[in-house]
Amino acid sequence: MHFVNYVCWHGIKIACMIKTQMIIMTLAERIRKIREIRGLKQSNVARELNITQQSYGNLENRNNNPKLETLSKFCEVVKIP
């Protein structure tokens, strides 16, 4: 049995797993996918977020947990209302 609670934040559906065996897209994967769909390069997004490209790459590779302000700015950059 799967128990998943979905939270919508700025149009990004984030799954909060309670108990599940299903595979879900992580926040980092969603961030990467949105950037790719918008046709943006990591370096361009990083510049707009005022962080290094390495820091942004770490965010997409799940090496860092993004701050709420970074996520909010990301939504502005990729034009998510």
N, C-alpha and C. Protein backbone atom coordinates (compact mmCIF):
# COMPACT_ATOMS: atom_id res chain seq x y z
N MET A 1 0.84 -1.18 0.00
CA MET A 1 0.00 0.00 0.00
C MET A 1 0.88 1.24 0.00
N HIS A 2 0.46 2.24 -0.75
CA HIS A 2 1.24 3.47 -0.87
C HIS A 2 0.52 4.62 -0.18
N PHE A 3 1.26 5.37 0.60
CA PHE A 3 0.73 6.55 1.25
C PHE A 3 1.63 7.72 0.85
N VAL A 4 1.13 8.57 -0.01
CA VAL A 4 1.93 9.71 -0.46
C VAL A 4 1.08 10.96 -0.33
N ASN A 5 1.63 11.96 0.28
CA ASN A 5 0.96 13.25 0.42
C ASN A 5 1.63 14.21 -0.54
N TYR A 6 0.84 14.82 -1.43
CA TYR A 6 1.40 15.75 -2.39
C TYR A 6 1.17 17.18 -1.94
N VAL A 7 2.22 17.97 -2.00
CA VAL A 7 2.16 19.37 -1.65
C VAL A 7 2.50 20.15 -2.91
N CYS A 8 1.69 21.15 -3.25
CA CYS A 8 1.94 21.96 -4.43
C CYS A 8 2.57 23.27 -3.98
N TRP A 9 3.75 23.56 -4.48
CA TRP A 9 4.46 24.78 -4.13
C TRP A 9 4.85 25.48 -5.41
N HIS A 10 4.29 26.62 -5.68
CA HIS A 10 4.56 27.39 -6.90
C HIS A 10 4.40 26.52 -8.14
N GLY A 11 3.38 25.69 -8.18
CA GLY A 11 3.12 24.88 -9.35
C GLY A 11 3.98 23.63 -9.44
N ILE A 12 4.86 23.41 -8.47
CA ILE A 12 5.70 22.21 -8.47
C ILE A 12 5.10 21.23 -7.47
N LYS A 13 4.68 20.09 -7.98
CA LYS A 13 4.10 19.08 -7.10
C LYS A 13 5.23 18.33 -6.41
N ILE A 14 5.28 18.43 -5.11
CA ILE A 14 6.33 17.80 -4.32
C ILE A 14 5.69 16.66 -3.53
N ALA A 15 6.23 15.48 -3.68
CA ALA A 15 5.68 14.32 -2.97
C ALA A 15 6.37 14.18 -1.62
N CYS A 16 5.58 14.13 -0.58
CA CYS A 16 6.08 13.87 0.76
C CYS A 16 5.72 12.43 1.08
N MET A 17 6.69 11.56 1.00
CA MET A 17 6.41 10.15 1.19
C MET A 17 6.22 9.83 2.67
N ILE A 18 5.15 9.16 2.96
CA ILE A 18 4.91 8.68 4.30
C ILE A 18 5.33 7.21 4.37
N LYS A 19 4.81 6.41 3.44
CA LYS A 19 5.22 5.03 3.32
C LYS A 19 4.92 4.63 1.88
N THR A 20 5.98 4.30 1.15
CA THR A 20 5.75 3.97 -0.25
C THR A 20 6.89 3.14 -0.80
N GLN A 21 6.58 2.42 -1.86
CA GLN A 21 7.61 1.69 -2.58
C GLN A 21 7.68 2.19 -4.02
N MET A 22 6.82 3.13 -4.37
CA MET A 22 6.83 3.62 -5.73
C MET A 22 7.97 4.61 -5.93
N ILE A 23 8.41 4.72 -7.17
CA ILE A 23 9.49 5.62 -7.51
C ILE A 23 8.89 6.98 -7.85
N ILE A 24 9.39 8.03 -7.21
CA ILE A 24 8.89 9.37 -7.48
C ILE A 24 10.05 10.26 -7.90
N MET A 25 9.72 11.32 -8.58
CA MET A 25 10.73 12.28 -8.99
C MET A 25 11.06 13.18 -7.80
N THR A 26 12.32 13.28 -7.49
CA THR A 26 12.74 14.13 -6.38
C THR A 26 12.65 15.60 -6.77
N LEU A 27 12.74 16.46 -5.79
CA LEU A 27 12.72 17.89 -6.05
C LEU A 27 13.87 18.27 -6.97
N ALA A 28 15.06 17.70 -6.73
CA ALA A 28 16.22 18.00 -7.57
C ALA A 28 15.96 17.60 -9.02
N GLU A 29 15.34 16.45 -9.21
CA GLU A 29 15.03 15.99 -10.57
C GLU A 29 14.01 16.90 -11.24
N ARG A 30 13.05 17.38 -10.47
CA ARG A 30 12.04 18.28 -11.02
C ARG A 30 12.67 19.62 -11.41
N ILE A 31 13.58 20.11 -10.58
CA ILE A 31 14.26 21.36 -10.88
C ILE A 31 15.03 21.23 -12.18
N ARG A 32 15.77 20.12 -12.33
CA ARG A 32 16.53 19.89 -13.56
C ARG A 32 15.59 19.81 -14.77
N LYS A 33 14.51 19.06 -14.64
CA LYS A 33 13.57 18.87 -15.75
C LYS A 33 12.95 20.20 -16.17
N ILE A 34 12.55 21.01 -15.20
CA ILE A 34 11.96 22.32 -15.51
C ILE A 34 12.97 23.19 -16.25
N ARG A 35 14.22 23.19 -15.78
CA ARG A 35 15.26 23.98 -16.44
C ARG A 35 15.46 23.51 -17.88
N GLU A 36 15.51 22.20 -18.06
CA GLU A 36 15.71 21.66 -19.40
C GLU A 36 14.53 21.98 -20.33
N ILE A 37 13.31 21.87 -19.80
CA ILE A 37 12.13 22.20 -20.60
C ILE A 37 12.16 23.65 -21.04
N ARG A 38 12.63 24.53 -20.17
CA ARG A 38 12.71 25.96 -20.48
C ARG A 38 13.89 26.28 -21.41
N GLY A 39 14.75 25.28 -21.66
CA GLY A 39 15.89 25.48 -22.55
C GLY A 39 17.00 26.33 -21.94
N LEU A 40 17.12 26.28 -20.62
CA LEU A 40 18.13 27.08 -19.92
C LEU A 40 19.35 26.24 -19.56
N LYS A 41 20.50 26.89 -19.50
CA LYS A 41 21.72 26.23 -19.07
C LYS A 41 21.89 26.44 -17.57
N GLN A 42 22.59 25.50 -16.94
CA GLN A 42 22.86 25.64 -15.50
C GLN A 42 23.54 26.95 -15.20
N SER A 43 24.50 27.35 -16.02
CA SER A 43 25.24 28.58 -15.76
C SER A 43 24.34 29.81 -15.78
N ASN A 44 23.37 29.83 -16.69
CA ASN A 44 22.44 30.97 -16.77
C ASN A 44 21.54 31.03 -15.54
N VAL A 45 21.02 29.89 -15.14
CA VAL A 45 20.14 29.86 -13.96
C VAL A 45 20.95 30.23 -12.71
N ALA A 46 22.15 29.68 -12.59
CA ALA A 46 23.00 29.99 -11.43
C ALA A 46 23.27 31.48 -11.33
N ARG A 47 23.57 32.10 -12.47
CA ARG A 47 23.83 33.55 -12.48
C ARG A 47 22.60 34.31 -11.99
N GLU A 48 21.42 33.92 -12.47
CA GLU A 48 20.18 34.59 -12.05
C GLU A 48 19.89 34.38 -10.56
N LEU A 49 20.30 33.23 -10.05
CA LEU A 49 20.08 32.93 -8.62
C LEU A 49 21.17 33.53 -7.74
N ASN A 50 22.19 34.10 -8.39
CA ASN A 50 23.33 34.69 -7.68
C ASN A 50 24.09 33.64 -6.85
N ILE A 51 24.27 32.46 -7.46
CA ILE A 51 25.07 31.40 -6.85
C ILE A 51 26.02 30.88 -7.92
N THR A 52 27.03 30.11 -7.50
CA THR A 52 27.97 29.57 -8.47
C THR A 52 27.32 28.43 -9.25
N GLN A 53 27.89 28.15 -10.42
CA GLN A 53 27.37 27.05 -11.22
C GLN A 53 27.56 25.73 -10.46
N GLN A 54 28.64 25.62 -9.72
CA GLN A 54 28.89 24.41 -8.93
C GLN A 54 27.79 24.23 -7.87
N SER A 55 27.42 25.31 -7.20
CA SER A 55 26.35 25.23 -6.19
C SER A 55 25.03 24.82 -6.84
N TYR A 56 24.77 25.40 -8.01
CA TYR A 56 23.53 25.04 -8.70
C TYR A 56 23.56 23.58 -9.14
N GLY A 57 24.70 23.12 -9.65
CA GLY A 57 24.83 21.72 -10.04
C GLY A 57 24.61 20.78 -8.86
N ASN A 58 25.13 21.17 -7.70
CA ASN A 58 24.91 20.37 -6.49
C ASN A 58 23.43 20.30 -6.13
N LEU A 59 22.71 21.39 -6.37
CA LEU A 59 21.27 21.41 -6.09
C LEU A 59 20.56 20.40 -6.99
N GLU A 60 20.91 20.36 -8.27
CA GLU A 60 20.28 19.43 -9.21
C GLU A 60 20.70 17.99 -8.97
N ASN A 61 21.85 17.79 -8.34
CA ASN A 61 22.35 16.44 -8.10
C ASN A 61 22.07 15.96 -6.67
N ARG A 62 21.20 16.67 -5.98
CA ARG A 62 20.77 16.32 -4.62
C ARG A 62 21.90 16.35 -3.60
N ASN A 63 22.93 17.13 -3.88
CA ASN A 63 24.03 17.27 -2.92
C ASN A 63 23.74 18.37 -1.90
N ASN A 64 22.80 19.24 -2.22
CA ASN A 64 22.41 20.34 -1.34
C ASN A 64 20.90 20.39 -1.23
N ASN A 65 20.41 20.75 -0.09
CA ASN A 65 18.99 21.05 0.07
C ASN A 65 18.81 22.54 -0.15
N PRO A 66 18.01 22.92 -1.14
CA PRO A 66 17.88 24.35 -1.43
C PRO A 66 17.11 25.10 -0.34
N LYS A 67 17.52 26.33 -0.13
CA LYS A 67 16.79 27.20 0.79
C LYS A 67 15.49 27.61 0.13
N LEU A 68 14.50 27.93 0.92
CA LEU A 68 13.21 28.35 0.40
C LEU A 68 13.35 29.58 -0.50
N GLU A 69 14.21 30.51 -0.12
CA GLU A 69 14.41 31.71 -0.94
C GLU A 69 15.03 31.36 -2.30
N THR A 70 15.89 30.34 -2.34
CA THR A 70 16.47 29.90 -3.61
C THR A 70 15.39 29.27 -4.49
N LEU A 71 14.53 28.45 -3.90
CA LEU A 71 13.42 27.85 -4.66
C LEU A 71 12.48 28.91 -5.19
N SER A 72 12.20 29.89 -4.38
CA SER A 72 11.31 30.98 -4.80
C SER A 72 11.92 31.74 -5.97
N LYS A 73 13.20 32.05 -5.87
CA LYS A 73 13.89 32.77 -6.96
C LYS A 73 13.95 31.89 -8.21
N PHE A 74 14.17 30.58 -8.04
CA PHE A 74 14.19 29.65 -9.17
C PHE A 74 12.86 29.72 -9.92
N CYS A 75 11.77 29.74 -9.18
CA CYS A 75 10.45 29.83 -9.80
C CYS A 75 10.29 31.11 -10.61
N GLU A 76 10.85 32.20 -10.10
CA GLU A 76 10.82 33.46 -10.85
C GLU A 76 11.64 33.35 -12.14
N VAL A 77 12.83 32.76 -12.03
CA VAL A 77 13.74 32.64 -13.17
C VAL A 77 13.12 31.81 -14.29
N VAL A 78 12.49 30.70 -13.91
CA VAL A 78 11.92 29.80 -14.93
C VAL A 78 10.44 30.12 -15.22
N LYS A 79 9.98 31.22 -14.65
CA LYS A 79 8.64 31.74 -14.90
C LYS A 79 7.52 30.77 -14.50
N ILE A 80 7.63 30.28 -13.26
CA ILE A 80 6.55 29.49 -12.66
C ILE A 80 5.79 30.45 -11.75
N PRO A 81 4.49 30.66 -12.02
CA PRO A 81 3.73 31.63 -11.22
C PRO A 81 3.58 31.23 -9.76
